[in-house]
């Protein structure tokens, strides 16, 4: 069932709540790896699939998808730290439930919603995680959606999904993960 869920095929009744601790750890953006060409083997593999886009089309797609200035994210004890250059903004977040999204492709996804509890924090007020997992389990990588308007506004975002892998992984390990998982 988990394999199908990771591919966007699951029954709504199988989706479960998750705690922020599922994403605990230190994470790095994969955007720099895309921009400097380290992810080219992944783009080349995708381009070989029947009906796929060209390498350049995939590069443009992921350039928009991965775009972010948040280079690193740290999560511990319900606090999320967002690292942008030398600046670190953080906030304590509370779980706000999940939303099941239905995509044009016929597949589904789940976003887990969290809200900043400190009014004076410079961190995003609203955060959503998507990691192709539909129940309590430690995340291996994730897409994050961040903003200050509302959860509803973030749920409409389909083109920009900054993506993070564990900070301890080297670029070769990230490429291997993307190619084989």
N, C-alpha and C. Protein backbone atom coordinates (compact mmCIF):
# COMPACT_ATOMS: atom_id res chain seq x y z
N UNK A 1 0.82 -1.20 0.00
CA UNK A 1 0.00 0.00 0.00
C UNK A 1 0.86 1.26 0.00
N UNK A 2 2.00 1.23 0.74
CA UNK A 2 2.85 2.42 0.79
C UNK A 2 3.40 2.78 -0.58
N UNK A 3 3.79 1.76 -1.36
CA UNK A 3 4.33 2.01 -2.69
C UNK A 3 3.28 2.71 -3.55
N UNK A 4 2.04 2.22 -3.51
CA UNK A 4 0.98 2.86 -4.28
C UNK A 4 0.72 4.27 -3.78
N UNK A 5 0.72 4.46 -2.47
CA UNK A 5 0.49 5.79 -1.90
C UNK A 5 1.55 6.76 -2.39
N UNK A 6 2.80 6.29 -2.48
CA UNK A 6 3.88 7.16 -2.94
C UNK A 6 3.69 7.55 -4.40
N UNK A 7 2.89 6.77 -5.12
CA UNK A 7 2.61 7.05 -6.53
C UNK A 7 1.27 7.77 -6.72
N UNK A 8 0.65 8.19 -5.62
CA UNK A 8 -0.59 8.95 -5.70
C UNK A 8 -1.84 8.10 -5.83
N UNK A 9 -1.74 6.81 -5.45
CA UNK A 9 -2.89 5.91 -5.52
C UNK A 9 -3.16 5.38 -4.11
N UNK A 10 -4.27 5.83 -3.52
CA UNK A 10 -4.62 5.38 -2.17
C UNK A 10 -6.08 5.72 -1.90
N UNK A 11 -6.65 5.04 -0.91
CA UNK A 11 -8.02 5.33 -0.47
C UNK A 11 -7.97 6.45 0.56
N UNK A 12 -8.89 7.40 0.45
CA UNK A 12 -8.91 8.53 1.39
C UNK A 12 -8.94 8.05 2.84
N UNK A 13 -9.64 6.94 3.09
CA UNK A 13 -9.78 6.43 4.47
C UNK A 13 -8.45 5.95 5.05
N UNK A 14 -7.46 5.71 4.19
CA UNK A 14 -6.16 5.23 4.67
C UNK A 14 -5.23 6.36 5.13
N UNK A 15 -5.60 7.60 4.86
CA UNK A 15 -4.76 8.74 5.26
C UNK A 15 -4.89 8.95 6.77
N UNK A 16 -3.76 9.16 7.43
CA UNK A 16 -3.74 9.35 8.88
C UNK A 16 -3.03 10.65 9.24
N UNK A 17 -3.37 11.16 10.43
CA UNK A 17 -2.68 12.34 10.96
C UNK A 17 -1.21 12.02 11.20
N UNK A 18 -0.39 13.08 11.16
CA UNK A 18 1.04 12.92 11.42
C UNK A 18 1.53 14.08 12.29
N UNK A 19 2.53 13.80 13.09
CA UNK A 19 3.14 14.83 13.94
C UNK A 19 4.33 15.46 13.21
N UNK A 20 4.66 16.68 13.59
CA UNK A 20 5.80 17.37 12.98
C UNK A 20 7.10 16.58 13.19
N UNK A 21 7.13 15.75 14.20
CA UNK A 21 8.33 14.93 14.47
C UNK A 21 8.64 13.98 13.31
N UNK A 22 7.68 13.69 12.43
CA UNK A 22 7.94 12.86 11.25
C UNK A 22 8.97 13.52 10.32
N UNK A 23 9.10 14.85 10.43
CA UNK A 23 10.03 15.60 9.58
C UNK A 23 11.22 16.12 10.39
N UNK A 24 11.36 15.66 11.63
CA UNK A 24 12.42 16.17 12.49
C UNK A 24 13.79 15.88 11.88
N UNK A 25 14.70 16.84 12.04
CA UNK A 25 16.05 16.68 11.52
C UNK A 25 16.52 17.95 10.84
N UNK A 26 17.67 17.85 10.18
CA UNK A 26 18.23 18.97 9.44
C UNK A 26 18.19 18.58 7.96
N UNK A 27 17.69 19.51 7.15
CA UNK A 27 17.40 19.22 5.74
C UNK A 27 18.06 20.26 4.84
N UNK A 28 18.45 19.85 3.65
CA UNK A 28 19.05 20.75 2.66
C UNK A 28 18.19 20.82 1.41
N UNK A 29 18.13 22.02 0.84
CA UNK A 29 17.43 22.21 -0.43
C UNK A 29 18.21 21.52 -1.54
N UNK A 30 17.49 20.93 -2.49
CA UNK A 30 18.17 20.33 -3.65
C UNK A 30 18.29 21.33 -4.80
N UNK A 31 17.75 22.54 -4.62
CA UNK A 31 17.80 23.54 -5.67
C UNK A 31 19.23 23.84 -6.15
N UNK A 32 20.20 24.04 -5.24
CA UNK A 32 21.57 24.30 -5.72
C UNK A 32 22.12 23.18 -6.59
N UNK A 33 21.77 21.94 -6.29
CA UNK A 33 22.24 20.80 -7.09
C UNK A 33 21.65 20.83 -8.50
N UNK A 34 20.40 21.25 -8.60
CA UNK A 34 19.78 21.38 -9.92
C UNK A 34 20.48 22.48 -10.71
N UNK A 35 20.66 23.63 -10.06
CA UNK A 35 21.22 24.79 -10.76
C UNK A 35 22.65 24.57 -11.22
N UNK A 36 23.45 23.78 -10.50
CA UNK A 36 24.84 23.58 -10.92
C UNK A 36 25.04 22.32 -11.76
N UNK A 37 23.96 21.63 -12.11
CA UNK A 37 24.06 20.49 -13.02
C UNK A 37 24.22 19.13 -12.36
N UNK A 38 24.29 19.08 -11.03
CA UNK A 38 24.49 17.80 -10.35
C UNK A 38 23.32 16.83 -10.54
N UNK A 39 22.12 17.36 -10.82
CA UNK A 39 20.95 16.49 -10.98
C UNK A 39 20.71 16.10 -12.45
N UNK A 40 21.64 16.46 -13.33
CA UNK A 40 21.47 16.13 -14.76
C UNK A 40 21.22 14.64 -15.01
N UNK A 41 21.90 13.71 -14.29
CA UNK A 41 21.60 12.29 -14.53
C UNK A 41 20.13 11.94 -14.26
N UNK A 42 19.53 12.61 -13.30
CA UNK A 42 18.11 12.37 -12.99
C UNK A 42 17.24 12.89 -14.14
N UNK A 43 17.55 14.08 -14.62
CA UNK A 43 16.79 14.66 -15.74
C UNK A 43 16.93 13.80 -16.99
N UNK A 44 18.14 13.30 -17.22
CA UNK A 44 18.39 12.46 -18.40
C UNK A 44 17.60 11.15 -18.31
N UNK A 45 17.53 10.56 -17.12
CA UNK A 45 16.76 9.32 -16.95
C UNK A 45 15.28 9.59 -17.20
N UNK A 46 14.76 10.69 -16.67
CA UNK A 46 13.35 11.02 -16.86
C UNK A 46 13.05 11.24 -18.35
N UNK A 47 13.97 11.88 -19.06
CA UNK A 47 13.75 12.19 -20.48
C UNK A 47 13.71 10.92 -21.34
N UNK A 48 14.27 9.82 -20.85
CA UNK A 48 14.28 8.57 -21.62
C UNK A 48 12.96 7.81 -21.52
N UNK A 49 12.12 8.19 -20.59
CA UNK A 49 10.85 7.48 -20.42
C UNK A 49 9.91 7.81 -21.58
N UNK A 50 9.12 6.84 -22.03
CA UNK A 50 8.18 7.08 -23.13
C UNK A 50 7.23 8.23 -22.81
N UNK A 51 7.05 9.12 -23.77
CA UNK A 51 6.14 10.24 -23.58
C UNK A 51 6.69 11.31 -22.67
N UNK A 52 7.95 11.19 -22.30
CA UNK A 52 8.56 12.16 -21.40
C UNK A 52 8.94 13.44 -22.11
N UNK A 53 9.34 14.40 -21.31
CA UNK A 53 9.79 15.68 -21.84
C UNK A 53 11.28 15.56 -22.17
N UNK A 54 11.81 16.60 -22.79
CA UNK A 54 13.25 16.65 -23.05
C UNK A 54 13.97 17.02 -21.76
N UNK A 55 15.28 16.83 -21.74
CA UNK A 55 16.08 17.20 -20.57
C UNK A 55 15.87 18.68 -20.25
N UNK A 56 15.87 19.52 -21.28
CA UNK A 56 15.71 20.96 -21.05
C UNK A 56 14.31 21.30 -20.51
N UNK A 57 13.30 20.58 -20.99
CA UNK A 57 11.94 20.80 -20.46
C UNK A 57 11.86 20.39 -19.00
N UNK A 58 12.48 19.26 -18.66
CA UNK A 58 12.52 18.85 -17.25
C UNK A 58 13.30 19.85 -16.41
N UNK A 59 14.42 20.34 -16.94
CA UNK A 59 15.22 21.31 -16.20
C UNK A 59 14.38 22.56 -15.88
N UNK A 60 13.63 23.05 -16.85
CA UNK A 60 12.78 24.23 -16.64
C UNK A 60 11.68 23.93 -15.62
N UNK A 61 11.09 22.75 -15.71
CA UNK A 61 10.03 22.33 -14.78
C UNK A 61 10.55 22.30 -13.34
N UNK A 62 11.71 21.67 -13.14
CA UNK A 62 12.27 21.55 -11.80
C UNK A 62 12.86 22.87 -11.31
N UNK A 63 13.35 23.69 -12.23
CA UNK A 63 13.88 25.00 -11.83
C UNK A 63 12.77 25.83 -11.18
N UNK A 64 11.59 25.75 -11.74
CA UNK A 64 10.43 26.45 -11.16
C UNK A 64 9.97 25.74 -9.88
N UNK A 65 9.94 24.41 -9.91
CA UNK A 65 9.47 23.64 -8.77
C UNK A 65 10.35 23.76 -7.55
N UNK A 66 11.67 23.66 -7.75
CA UNK A 66 12.61 23.66 -6.63
C UNK A 66 12.99 25.06 -6.14
N UNK A 67 12.62 26.11 -6.88
CA UNK A 67 13.06 27.47 -6.57
C UNK A 67 12.75 27.85 -5.12
N UNK A 68 13.79 28.32 -4.42
CA UNK A 68 13.64 28.78 -3.04
C UNK A 68 14.91 29.50 -2.61
N UNK A 69 14.77 30.38 -1.62
CA UNK A 69 15.96 30.99 -1.02
C UNK A 69 16.26 30.36 0.34
N UNK A 70 15.42 29.41 0.77
CA UNK A 70 15.63 28.71 2.04
C UNK A 70 16.56 27.52 1.76
N UNK A 71 17.83 27.69 2.13
CA UNK A 71 18.84 26.69 1.81
C UNK A 71 18.79 25.48 2.73
N UNK A 72 18.35 25.72 3.96
CA UNK A 72 18.39 24.65 4.96
C UNK A 72 17.20 24.82 5.90
N UNK A 73 16.67 23.70 6.37
CA UNK A 73 15.56 23.70 7.33
C UNK A 73 15.93 22.76 8.47
N UNK A 74 15.73 23.24 9.69
CA UNK A 74 15.93 22.41 10.87
C UNK A 74 14.61 22.24 11.60
N UNK A 75 14.28 21.03 12.01
CA UNK A 75 13.01 20.77 12.70
C UNK A 75 13.30 19.96 13.96
N UNK A 76 12.86 20.51 15.10
CA UNK A 76 13.04 19.82 16.38
C UNK A 76 12.04 20.36 17.39
N UNK A 77 11.41 19.47 18.15
CA UNK A 77 10.46 19.86 19.21
C UNK A 77 9.40 20.85 18.72
N UNK A 78 8.81 20.57 17.57
CA UNK A 78 7.75 21.39 16.97
C UNK A 78 8.21 22.78 16.53
N UNK A 79 9.52 23.03 16.53
CA UNK A 79 10.07 24.29 16.04
C UNK A 79 10.71 24.04 14.67
N UNK A 80 10.38 24.91 13.71
CA UNK A 80 11.01 24.85 12.39
C UNK A 80 11.90 26.07 12.25
N UNK A 81 13.15 25.84 11.87
CA UNK A 81 14.10 26.92 11.57
C UNK A 81 14.31 26.97 10.06
N UNK A 82 14.21 28.18 9.52
CA UNK A 82 14.41 28.40 8.09
C UNK A 82 15.69 29.20 7.92
N UNK A 83 16.68 28.64 7.21
CA UNK A 83 17.98 29.28 7.02
C UNK A 83 18.03 29.89 5.62
N UNK A 84 18.18 31.23 5.58
CA UNK A 84 18.33 31.96 4.33
C UNK A 84 19.63 32.76 4.46
N UNK A 85 20.67 32.32 3.76
CA UNK A 85 21.98 32.97 3.93
C UNK A 85 22.40 32.85 5.39
N UNK A 86 22.74 33.97 6.00
CA UNK A 86 23.16 33.99 7.41
C UNK A 86 21.98 34.18 8.36
N UNK A 87 20.78 34.38 7.82
CA UNK A 87 19.60 34.65 8.63
C UNK A 87 18.86 33.35 8.95
N UNK A 88 18.42 33.23 10.20
CA UNK A 88 17.62 32.08 10.61
C UNK A 88 16.33 32.59 11.23
N UNK A 89 15.21 32.21 10.66
CA UNK A 89 13.90 32.54 11.23
C UNK A 89 13.27 31.26 11.72
N UNK A 90 12.64 31.32 12.90
CA UNK A 90 12.05 30.11 13.44
C UNK A 90 10.72 30.39 14.11
N UNK A 91 9.96 29.34 14.29
CA UNK A 91 8.67 29.44 14.96
C UNK A 91 8.28 28.07 15.48
N UNK A 92 7.48 28.06 16.53
CA UNK A 92 6.88 26.81 17.03
C UNK A 92 5.57 26.62 16.27
N UNK A 93 5.40 25.45 15.68
CA UNK A 93 4.24 25.18 14.83
C UNK A 93 3.28 24.18 15.48
N UNK A 94 2.00 24.37 15.17
CA UNK A 94 0.96 23.45 15.65
C UNK A 94 0.31 22.79 14.44
N UNK A 95 0.02 21.51 14.57
CA UNK A 95 -0.62 20.74 13.51
C UNK A 95 -2.03 21.25 13.26
N UNK A 96 -2.37 21.40 11.97
CA UNK A 96 -3.69 21.90 11.58
C UNK A 96 -4.46 20.91 10.71
N UNK A 97 -4.05 19.64 10.72
CA UNK A 97 -4.76 18.65 9.93
C UNK A 97 -4.10 18.40 8.58
N UNK A 98 -4.80 17.65 7.74
CA UNK A 98 -4.27 17.35 6.41
C UNK A 98 -5.36 17.61 5.37
N UNK A 99 -4.91 17.76 4.14
CA UNK A 99 -5.82 17.92 3.01
C UNK A 99 -5.40 16.93 1.92
N UNK A 100 -6.40 16.27 1.36
CA UNK A 100 -6.16 15.36 0.24
C UNK A 100 -6.42 16.14 -1.04
N UNK A 101 -5.43 16.18 -1.91
CA UNK A 101 -5.56 16.91 -3.16
C UNK A 101 -5.76 15.93 -4.31
N UNK A 102 -6.63 16.30 -5.23
CA UNK A 102 -6.90 15.50 -6.43
C UNK A 102 -6.31 16.24 -7.62
N UNK A 103 -5.37 15.60 -8.29
CA UNK A 103 -4.66 16.24 -9.40
C UNK A 103 -5.32 15.92 -10.74
N UNK A 104 -5.03 16.75 -11.73
CA UNK A 104 -5.58 16.57 -13.07
C UNK A 104 -5.20 15.20 -13.65
N UNK A 105 -4.07 14.66 -13.23
CA UNK A 105 -3.59 13.37 -13.73
C UNK A 105 -4.43 12.20 -13.23
N UNK A 106 -5.32 12.47 -12.26
CA UNK A 106 -6.10 11.40 -11.67
C UNK A 106 -5.46 10.86 -10.40
N UNK A 107 -4.24 11.29 -10.13
CA UNK A 107 -3.53 10.87 -8.91
C UNK A 107 -3.95 11.78 -7.76
N UNK A 108 -3.54 11.38 -6.56
CA UNK A 108 -3.85 12.17 -5.37
C UNK A 108 -2.57 12.43 -4.58
N UNK A 109 -2.65 13.44 -3.73
CA UNK A 109 -1.55 13.75 -2.83
C UNK A 109 -2.12 14.22 -1.51
N UNK A 110 -1.29 14.17 -0.48
CA UNK A 110 -1.71 14.64 0.84
C UNK A 110 -0.74 15.72 1.29
N UNK A 111 -1.29 16.79 1.80
CA UNK A 111 -0.47 17.82 2.43
C UNK A 111 -0.82 17.89 3.91
N UNK A 112 0.23 17.91 4.71
CA UNK A 112 0.09 18.03 6.16
C UNK A 112 0.33 19.48 6.54
N UNK A 113 -0.65 20.09 7.22
CA UNK A 113 -0.68 21.53 7.47
C UNK A 113 -0.24 21.86 8.89
N UNK A 114 0.56 22.93 9.00
CA UNK A 114 1.03 23.41 10.30
C UNK A 114 0.95 24.93 10.32
N UNK A 115 0.71 25.49 11.52
CA UNK A 115 0.58 26.94 11.66
C UNK A 115 1.49 27.45 12.77
N UNK A 116 2.20 28.55 12.45
CA UNK A 116 3.10 29.21 13.40
C UNK A 116 2.28 29.75 14.57
N UNK A 117 2.79 29.54 15.79
CA UNK A 117 2.07 29.95 17.00
C UNK A 117 2.56 31.26 17.60
N UNK A 118 3.57 31.88 16.99
CA UNK A 118 4.11 33.14 17.51
C UNK A 118 3.81 34.25 16.51
N UNK A 119 3.06 35.24 16.94
CA UNK A 119 2.67 36.32 16.05
C UNK A 119 3.82 37.19 15.57
N UNK A 120 4.92 37.23 16.32
CA UNK A 120 6.02 38.11 15.96
C UNK A 120 7.15 37.40 15.20
N UNK A 121 6.94 36.15 14.87
CA UNK A 121 8.00 35.39 14.18
C UNK A 121 8.13 35.85 12.73
N UNK A 122 9.36 35.85 12.22
CA UNK A 122 9.59 36.16 10.81
C UNK A 122 9.50 34.92 9.93
N UNK A 123 9.27 33.78 10.56
CA UNK A 123 9.09 32.53 9.81
C UNK A 123 7.71 32.54 9.15
N UNK A 124 7.51 31.71 8.13
CA UNK A 124 6.20 31.65 7.49
C UNK A 124 5.10 31.27 8.49
N UNK A 125 3.95 31.92 8.36
CA UNK A 125 2.83 31.63 9.27
C UNK A 125 2.24 30.24 8.97
N UNK A 126 2.20 29.90 7.69
CA UNK A 126 1.60 28.62 7.28
C UNK A 126 2.63 27.77 6.54
N UNK A 127 2.66 26.48 6.89
CA UNK A 127 3.59 25.54 6.27
C UNK A 127 2.83 24.26 5.96
N UNK A 128 3.12 23.68 4.79
CA UNK A 128 2.53 22.40 4.41
C UNK A 128 3.64 21.47 3.91
N UNK A 129 3.58 20.22 4.35
CA UNK A 129 4.53 19.20 3.92
C UNK A 129 3.84 18.19 3.02
N UNK A 130 4.54 17.78 1.98
CA UNK A 130 4.10 16.68 1.12
C UNK A 130 5.31 15.80 0.90
N UNK A 131 5.18 14.51 1.24
CA UNK A 131 6.34 13.62 1.08
C UNK A 131 5.95 12.24 0.55
N UNK A 132 4.78 12.14 -0.06
CA UNK A 132 4.32 10.88 -0.67
C UNK A 132 4.07 9.80 0.37
N UNK A 133 3.89 10.20 1.62
CA UNK A 133 3.58 9.27 2.71
C UNK A 133 2.22 9.70 3.27
N UNK A 134 1.37 8.71 3.62
CA UNK A 134 0.00 9.06 4.05
C UNK A 134 -0.29 8.68 5.50
N UNK A 135 0.74 8.33 6.25
CA UNK A 135 0.54 7.99 7.66
C UNK A 135 1.81 8.24 8.44
N UNK A 136 1.75 8.07 9.77
CA UNK A 136 2.90 8.36 10.61
C UNK A 136 4.13 7.53 10.21
N UNK A 137 5.17 8.20 9.81
CA UNK A 137 6.43 7.57 9.45
C UNK A 137 7.46 8.66 9.21
N UNK A 138 8.71 8.38 9.53
CA UNK A 138 9.79 9.33 9.33
C UNK A 138 9.95 9.62 7.84
N UNK A 139 10.03 10.89 7.50
CA UNK A 139 10.17 11.30 6.10
C UNK A 139 11.60 11.08 5.61
N UNK A 140 11.72 10.73 4.32
CA UNK A 140 13.03 10.56 3.68
C UNK A 140 13.41 11.79 2.86
N UNK A 141 12.42 12.50 2.38
CA UNK A 141 12.58 13.78 1.69
C UNK A 141 11.20 14.42 1.68
N UNK A 142 11.13 15.71 1.42
CA UNK A 142 9.81 16.34 1.39
C UNK A 142 9.79 17.56 0.49
N UNK A 143 8.57 17.90 0.09
CA UNK A 143 8.27 19.16 -0.59
C UNK A 143 7.59 20.03 0.45
N UNK A 144 7.93 21.31 0.48
CA UNK A 144 7.34 22.20 1.47
C UNK A 144 6.70 23.39 0.76
N UNK A 145 5.59 23.82 1.31
CA UNK A 145 4.86 24.98 0.81
C UNK A 145 4.78 25.95 1.97
N UNK A 146 5.20 27.21 1.77
CA UNK A 146 5.29 28.17 2.86
C UNK A 146 4.67 29.49 2.45
N UNK A 147 3.97 30.14 3.37
CA UNK A 147 3.42 31.45 3.07
C UNK A 147 2.76 32.08 4.28
N UNK A 148 2.30 33.31 4.10
CA UNK A 148 1.69 34.06 5.20
C UNK A 148 0.23 34.38 4.98
N UNK A 149 -0.32 34.05 3.80
CA UNK A 149 -1.71 34.42 3.49
C UNK A 149 -2.70 33.48 4.17
N UNK A 150 -2.70 32.20 3.79
CA UNK A 150 -3.63 31.24 4.38
C UNK A 150 -3.25 29.83 3.93
N UNK A 151 -3.76 28.83 4.64
CA UNK A 151 -3.55 27.44 4.20
C UNK A 151 -4.23 27.24 2.84
N UNK A 152 -5.41 27.83 2.66
CA UNK A 152 -6.16 27.66 1.41
C UNK A 152 -5.36 28.18 0.22
N UNK A 153 -4.69 29.33 0.39
CA UNK A 153 -3.88 29.88 -0.70
C UNK A 153 -2.73 28.93 -1.04
N UNK A 154 -2.10 28.36 -0.02
CA UNK A 154 -0.99 27.43 -0.25
C UNK A 154 -1.46 26.15 -0.95
N UNK A 155 -2.66 25.71 -0.63
CA UNK A 155 -3.18 24.48 -1.25
C UNK A 155 -3.34 24.64 -2.76
N UNK A 156 -3.44 25.87 -3.23
CA UNK A 156 -3.58 26.13 -4.67
C UNK A 156 -2.23 26.11 -5.39
N UNK A 157 -1.13 26.19 -4.63
CA UNK A 157 0.20 26.22 -5.23
C UNK A 157 0.56 24.83 -5.77
N UNK A 158 0.76 24.77 -7.08
CA UNK A 158 1.09 23.49 -7.73
C UNK A 158 2.41 23.56 -8.51
N UNK A 159 2.97 24.76 -8.68
CA UNK A 159 4.14 24.92 -9.54
C UNK A 159 5.45 25.05 -8.79
N UNK A 160 5.40 25.47 -7.53
CA UNK A 160 6.62 25.66 -6.73
C UNK A 160 6.54 24.81 -5.48
N UNK A 161 7.43 23.83 -5.38
CA UNK A 161 7.44 22.88 -4.27
C UNK A 161 8.88 22.62 -3.87
N UNK A 162 9.49 23.61 -3.19
CA UNK A 162 10.87 23.43 -2.73
C UNK A 162 11.04 22.06 -2.07
N UNK A 163 12.13 21.40 -2.41
CA UNK A 163 12.33 20.00 -2.03
C UNK A 163 13.60 19.85 -1.20
N UNK A 164 13.48 19.07 -0.13
CA UNK A 164 14.58 18.94 0.84
C UNK A 164 14.89 17.47 1.12
N UNK A 165 16.19 17.21 1.23
CA UNK A 165 16.71 15.89 1.59
C UNK A 165 17.55 16.06 2.86
N UNK A 166 17.80 14.96 3.57
CA UNK A 166 18.61 15.07 4.79
C UNK A 166 19.94 15.77 4.54
N UNK A 167 20.31 16.66 5.46
CA UNK A 167 21.54 17.44 5.33
C UNK A 167 22.77 16.54 5.27
N UNK A 168 22.72 15.39 5.90
CA UNK A 168 23.87 14.48 5.95
C UNK A 168 24.17 13.83 4.61
N UNK A 169 23.22 13.84 3.68
CA UNK A 169 23.44 13.20 2.38
C UNK A 169 24.33 14.06 1.49
N UNK A 170 25.27 13.41 0.79
CA UNK A 170 26.09 14.09 -0.20
C UNK A 170 25.31 14.11 -1.51
N UNK A 171 25.75 14.97 -2.44
CA UNK A 171 25.01 15.09 -3.70
C UNK A 171 24.88 13.76 -4.43
N UNK A 172 25.92 12.92 -4.37
CA UNK A 172 25.86 11.62 -5.05
C UNK A 172 24.76 10.74 -4.45
N UNK A 173 24.60 10.82 -3.14
CA UNK A 173 23.56 10.03 -2.47
C UNK A 173 22.17 10.54 -2.83
N UNK A 174 22.03 11.86 -2.97
CA UNK A 174 20.74 12.43 -3.36
C UNK A 174 20.39 12.00 -4.78
N UNK A 175 21.36 12.07 -5.68
CA UNK A 175 21.12 11.63 -7.06
C UNK A 175 20.72 10.16 -7.07
N UNK A 176 21.42 9.33 -6.29
CA UNK A 176 21.10 7.91 -6.21
C UNK A 176 19.67 7.70 -5.70
N UNK A 177 19.29 8.44 -4.67
CA UNK A 177 17.92 8.35 -4.14
C UNK A 177 16.90 8.69 -5.23
N UNK A 178 17.15 9.77 -5.96
CA UNK A 178 16.22 10.21 -6.99
C UNK A 178 16.14 9.21 -8.15
N UNK A 179 17.24 8.57 -8.46
CA UNK A 179 17.27 7.62 -9.57
C UNK A 179 16.62 6.29 -9.23
N UNK A 180 16.69 5.87 -7.99
CA UNK A 180 16.31 4.50 -7.65
C UNK A 180 15.16 4.35 -6.67
N UNK A 181 14.53 5.44 -6.28
CA UNK A 181 13.45 5.29 -5.29
C UNK A 181 12.18 5.99 -5.75
